[in-house]
Protein backbone atom coordinates (compact mmCIF):
# COMPACT_ATOMS: atom_id res chain seq x y z
CA MET A 1 0.04 -0.15 -0.04
CA GLY A 2 2.88 2.50 0.06
CA ASP A 3 2.78 3.31 -3.27
CA LEU A 4 -0.69 3.76 -3.49
CA THR A 5 -0.24 6.16 -0.50
CA ARG A 6 2.25 8.17 -2.33
CA LEU A 7 0.12 8.23 -5.18
CA ARG A 8 -2.89 9.14 -3.23
CA ASN A 9 -0.90 12.20 -1.56
CA SER A 10 0.52 13.30 -5.18
CA PHE A 11 -3.33 13.56 -6.49
CA ARG A 12 -4.43 15.19 -3.56
CA ARG A 13 -1.81 18.02 -3.67
CA ALA A 14 -2.37 17.89 -7.46
CA ALA A 15 -5.88 18.65 -6.92
CA SER A 16 -5.05 21.25 -4.19
CA LEU A 17 -3.23 23.08 -6.92
CA ALA A 18 -5.96 23.05 -9.63
CA VAL A 19 -8.84 23.53 -7.48
CA ALA A 20 -12.20 24.42 -9.18
CA ILE A 21 -14.47 26.28 -10.63
CA LEU A 22 -17.23 27.96 -8.28
CA ALA A 23 -17.77 31.29 -6.65
CA ALA A 24 -17.12 35.01 -7.07
CA ALA A 25 -14.55 35.82 -9.44
CA SER A 26 -12.55 38.92 -10.60
CA PRO A 27 -10.79 39.74 -14.13
CA ALA A 28 -7.16 38.96 -14.29
CA LEU A 29 -4.83 41.48 -14.07
CA ALA A 30 -2.98 43.21 -16.92
CA GLY A 31 -0.18 41.56 -18.21
CA SER A 32 -1.62 38.11 -17.33
CA PRO A 33 -0.73 34.99 -19.29
CA ILE A 34 -4.30 34.28 -19.55
CA ASP A 35 -5.72 35.00 -22.89
CA PRO A 36 -8.26 37.68 -22.36
CA ASP A 37 -11.10 35.82 -23.95
CA ALA A 38 -10.37 32.67 -21.77
CA ASP A 39 -10.14 35.14 -18.82
CA LYS A 40 -13.68 36.55 -19.57
CA ILE A 41 -15.39 33.11 -20.14
CA LEU A 42 -13.76 31.78 -16.55
CA ALA A 43 -14.65 34.66 -15.04
CA ALA A 44 -18.54 34.92 -16.22
CA MET A 45 -18.95 31.10 -14.95
CA SER A 46 -17.32 32.07 -11.77
CA SER A 47 -19.37 34.82 -11.12
CA ASN A 48 -22.60 32.88 -12.56
CA LEU A 49 -22.35 30.37 -9.99
CA GLY A 50 -20.94 32.41 -6.92
CA SER A 51 -24.00 34.35 -6.91
CA LYS A 52 -25.96 31.16 -6.52
CA THR A 53 -26.38 30.78 -2.81
CA ALA A 54 -27.81 27.39 -3.03
CA LEU A 55 -27.22 24.83 -5.58
CA SER A 56 -27.26 20.92 -6.64
CA VAL A 57 -25.41 18.77 -9.27
CA ASP A 58 -24.68 14.98 -10.30
CA TYR A 59 -21.28 14.25 -11.21
CA ASP A 60 -19.26 11.32 -12.62
CA ALA A 61 -15.38 11.17 -11.54
CA ASP A 62 -12.42 9.18 -13.18
CA HIS A 63 -8.83 8.87 -11.45
CA GLU A 64 -6.10 7.21 -13.55
CA VAL A 65 -3.45 5.41 -11.72
CA LEU A 66 -0.59 3.40 -13.00
CA ASP A 67 -0.33 -0.06 -11.63
CA PHE A 68 3.09 -2.08 -10.57
CA ALA A 69 3.49 -3.19 -13.93
CA GLY A 70 3.04 0.30 -15.57
CA GLN A 71 -0.18 -0.15 -16.88
CA LYS A 72 -2.61 2.75 -16.66
CA LEU A 73 -5.86 1.98 -14.91
CA GLN A 74 -8.96 4.17 -14.43
CA TYR A 75 -11.05 3.98 -11.57
CA SER A 76 -14.59 5.62 -11.89
CA ALA A 77 -17.44 6.82 -9.22
CA SER A 78 -20.62 8.68 -9.45
CA GLY A 79 -22.44 10.82 -6.94
CA SER A 80 -24.16 14.24 -6.09
CA ILE A 81 -23.62 17.39 -4.18
CA ALA A 82 -26.08 19.67 -2.42
CA LEU A 83 -25.16 22.75 -0.64
CA ASP A 84 -26.11 26.05 0.86
CA ARG A 85 -23.25 28.29 1.21
CA SER A 86 -24.05 29.46 4.59
CA LYS A 87 -25.34 26.19 6.01
CA GLY A 88 -23.60 23.47 4.59
CA PHE A 89 -23.40 20.23 2.30
CA HIS A 90 -24.25 16.85 1.34
CA LEU A 91 -22.18 14.76 -0.70
CA THR A 92 -22.54 11.03 -1.98
CA ARG A 93 -20.18 8.97 -3.85
CA LYS A 94 -20.54 5.42 -5.07
CA GLY A 95 -17.17 3.98 -6.30
CA PRO A 96 -15.77 0.83 -7.23
CA PHE A 97 -14.69 -0.38 -3.63
CA ALA A 98 -16.67 2.10 -1.41
CA GLU A 99 -19.98 3.98 -1.10
CA ALA A 100 -19.75 6.70 0.98
CA GLU A 101 -21.37 10.07 1.96
CA MET A 102 -20.25 12.96 3.75
CA THR A 103 -22.06 15.92 5.38
CA PHE A 104 -21.30 18.97 6.63
CA ASP A 105 -23.88 21.09 9.31
CA GLY A 106 -21.47 24.28 9.91
CA LYS A 107 -19.81 22.96 12.68
CA THR A 108 -19.27 19.22 12.18
CA ILE A 109 -17.79 17.08 9.12
CA SER A 110 -19.38 13.58 8.98
CA LEU A 111 -18.08 10.61 6.92
CA TYR A 112 -20.35 7.47 6.54
CA SER A 113 -19.29 4.36 4.73
CA LYS A 114 -22.22 2.24 3.87
CA SER A 115 -19.91 -0.39 2.42
CA LEU A 116 -18.43 -0.83 6.04
CA ASN A 117 -21.37 0.31 7.66
CA VAL A 118 -19.12 2.98 10.08
CA TYR A 119 -18.60 6.48 10.57
CA ALA A 120 -15.97 9.31 11.60
CA GLN A 121 -16.32 12.85 12.58
CA LEU A 122 -14.30 15.74 12.48
CA GLU A 123 -15.14 19.39 13.98
CA SER A 124 -14.85 22.44 11.50
CA PRO A 125 -16.34 25.17 13.70
CA GLY A 126 -15.68 27.83 11.35
CA GLY A 127 -18.45 27.20 9.40
CA LYS A 128 -17.02 27.78 5.91
CA ILE A 129 -17.34 25.36 3.15
CA GLU A 130 -14.10 25.37 1.47
CA ASP A 131 -12.27 24.84 4.98
CA ALA A 132 -14.41 21.99 5.97
CA ALA A 133 -13.74 20.07 2.59
CA GLU A 134 -10.15 20.64 2.60
CA GLU A 135 -10.01 19.09 6.33
CA PHE A 136 -12.00 16.36 4.88
CA ARG A 137 -9.46 15.65 2.24
CA ALA A 138 -6.57 16.13 4.61
CA SER A 139 -7.90 13.99 7.32
CA THR A 140 -9.27 10.95 5.09
CA GLY A 141 -7.26 11.18 2.00
CA LEU A 142 -10.43 10.15 0.11
CA ASP A 143 -11.23 12.05 -2.71
CA ALA A 144 -14.45 14.60 -2.73
CA PRO A 145 -15.59 15.19 -6.09
CA GLY A 146 -16.98 18.74 -6.18
CA ALA A 147 -15.56 19.93 -2.96
CA ASP A 148 -13.07 22.13 -4.90
CA LEU A 149 -16.17 23.74 -6.43
CA LEU A 150 -17.18 24.89 -3.02
CA GLY A 151 -14.60 27.57 -2.42
CA SER A 152 -15.49 31.53 -2.01
CA ASN A 153 -12.76 32.57 -4.16
CA ALA A 154 -11.96 29.84 -6.81
CA TYR A 155 -10.94 32.11 -9.67
CA ALA A 156 -8.06 33.52 -7.84
CA VAL A 157 -6.90 30.14 -6.98
CA LEU A 158 -7.33 28.92 -10.44
CA THR A 159 -5.31 31.86 -12.04
CA GLU A 160 -2.67 31.71 -9.35
CA GLY A 161 0.42 29.92 -11.00
CA ALA A 162 -1.18 30.01 -14.23
CA THR A 163 1.81 30.24 -16.77
CA ALA A 164 -0.92 30.17 -20.03
CA GLY A 165 -4.42 30.12 -20.36
CA THR A 166 -6.64 30.09 -23.65
CA VAL A 167 -9.68 29.00 -25.81
CA VAL A 168 -9.02 25.86 -27.35
CA GLY A 169 -12.57 26.26 -29.05
CA SER A 170 -16.30 25.00 -28.80
CA GLY A 171 -17.10 21.28 -28.06
CA TYR A 172 -19.96 19.18 -26.51
CA VAL A 173 -20.22 17.76 -23.20
CA GLY A 174 -23.70 15.53 -22.48
CA GLY A 175 -25.26 17.01 -26.03
CA ILE A 176 -24.57 20.55 -24.32
CA ALA A 177 -22.42 23.17 -26.36
CA CYS A 178 -19.37 24.58 -24.44
CA ASP A 179 -16.46 26.71 -24.49
CA HIS A 180 -13.18 24.62 -24.11
CA LEU A 181 -10.46 25.91 -22.19
CA ALA A 182 -6.88 25.15 -21.35
CA PHE A 183 -4.57 26.26 -18.68
CA ARG A 184 -1.13 25.37 -17.47
CA THR A 185 1.05 25.72 -14.22
CA ASP A 186 4.57 24.20 -13.39
CA MET A 187 3.20 21.38 -11.97
CA VAL A 188 -0.54 20.49 -13.58
CA ASP A 189 -1.90 20.90 -16.81
CA TRP A 190 -6.07 21.48 -16.56
CA GLN A 191 -9.06 22.13 -18.95
CA ILE A 192 -12.42 23.06 -18.35
CA TRP A 193 -15.53 23.08 -20.55
CA ILE A 194 -18.23 25.94 -19.64
CA SER A 195 -21.64 25.87 -21.32
CA LYS A 196 -22.29 28.68 -23.52
CA GLY A 197 -25.17 31.18 -23.24
CA ASP A 198 -26.40 33.22 -20.42
CA ASN A 199 -26.01 30.94 -17.65
CA PRO A 200 -22.38 29.49 -17.87
CA LEU A 201 -21.76 26.39 -15.85
CA PRO A 202 -18.90 24.15 -15.46
CA MET A 203 -19.71 20.80 -17.33
CA LYS A 204 -16.38 19.14 -17.22
CA TYR A 205 -12.87 19.55 -15.85
CA VAL A 206 -9.73 17.67 -16.13
CA ILE A 207 -6.36 17.68 -14.16
CA THR A 208 -2.98 16.21 -15.91
CA THR A 209 -0.46 15.50 -13.41
CA LYS A 210 2.86 16.40 -15.38
CA TRP A 211 5.42 15.25 -13.17
CA VAL A 212 4.00 11.85 -12.40
CA THR A 213 4.93 9.03 -14.73
CA GLY A 214 2.48 8.31 -17.47
CA ALA A 215 0.80 11.77 -16.82
CA PRO A 216 -2.38 10.52 -15.13
CA GLU A 217 -5.44 12.45 -15.19
CA TYR A 218 -8.44 13.35 -12.73
CA THR A 219 -11.68 13.88 -14.83
CA LEU A 220 -15.04 15.45 -13.40
CA ARG A 221 -18.23 15.55 -15.50
CA LEU A 222 -21.10 17.59 -13.80
CA ASN A 223 -24.75 17.45 -14.83
CA ASN A 224 -28.22 18.06 -13.68
CA TRP A 225 -27.27 21.51 -12.38
CA LYS A 226 -29.94 23.32 -9.90
CA THR A 227 -30.14 26.48 -8.23
CA GLY A 228 -32.09 27.53 -5.63
CA ALA A 229 -33.30 25.88 -2.36
CA VAL A 230 -31.90 22.70 -1.55
CA ASP A 231 -32.82 20.34 1.52
CA THR A 232 -30.94 21.44 4.12
CA ALA A 233 -32.07 18.59 6.50
CA SER A 234 -29.36 16.45 4.35
CA PHE A 235 -26.60 18.48 5.81
CA THR A 236 -27.20 16.67 9.33
CA PHE A 237 -25.94 13.25 9.83
CA ALA A 238 -27.81 10.77 12.07
CA ALA A 239 -25.86 7.59 12.29
CA PRO A 240 -27.81 4.18 11.61
CA ALA A 241 -28.49 2.47 15.20
CA ASP A 242 -26.18 -0.35 14.15
CA ALA A 243 -23.27 1.72 12.68
CA ARG A 244 -20.05 1.74 14.45
CA LYS A 245 -18.31 5.04 14.98
CA VAL A 246 -14.26 4.92 14.59
CA ASP A 247 -11.67 7.46 15.23
CA GLU A 248 -10.86 7.88 11.53
CA ILE A 249 -11.30 6.66 8.25
CA HIS A 250 -8.80 6.53 5.14
CA ALA A 251 -8.79 5.81 1.50
CA ASP A 252 -6.48 5.69 -1.09
CA VAL A 253 -6.68 7.40 -4.66
CA THR A 254 -9.07 4.30 -5.66
CA GLY A 255 -11.72 5.28 -3.29
CA GLU A 256 -10.70 1.97 -1.25
CA ILE A 257 -11.69 2.76 2.41
CA SER A 258 -9.60 1.53 5.30
CA LEU A 259 -10.07 1.86 9.38
CA GLU A 260 -8.03 3.38 12.13
CA ALA A 261 -8.22 2.06 15.83
CA GLY A 262 -11.94 2.21 16.32
CA GLU A 263 -13.74 3.62 19.53
């Protein structure tokens, strides 16, 4: 598991460098390496989503890893995200080795593994969605698809360190016409597909880790966007009567969950 642990940490660092695509935005500074058209599209999408106080979306996520023989494998998972920026969020994930859900009620992060019928909790009293998401990732090692989309200033993080940014052209994701943008940093390349029109939304993004052998990719596809009120009752976790509470839950990049010493 040593190699998988190191790979998991590599993906986590790469994801933190290429974090995503929600929230308030501001135009890039003069002299930016980002093409003005790419900057305008990215800023419009970020501003649009940042103005939504509550939303939900479904996702499909793919992780690429290299096995010990050097063969590239792809692990896929699906789930949903519901959030209210002032109250918390609820995220579900179903992958090849684990089915889990994560909740944040503004104070407590709860992770429940349906596969193992165990749960762990972590206090995050600051109430900020992006802080809770990062604490969850750092504590568990489990990828939280879409959690990077919850930040309050994602545009600034996305463009920080960018050495290039351009409009590749147009494309279709799920039958929806999109603008296809591509960006580079020293450590990762990332791409995003943003729906055209008056309601620009991120439909897909891809992170390529350039410094790992084989340049593995992380891909997130987003669909069924809804804005407006969400069921905030889902932000409060109620453990099943027969579930066991444990001190910690960890996972590798494939989503396989393991346990630390239980309570």
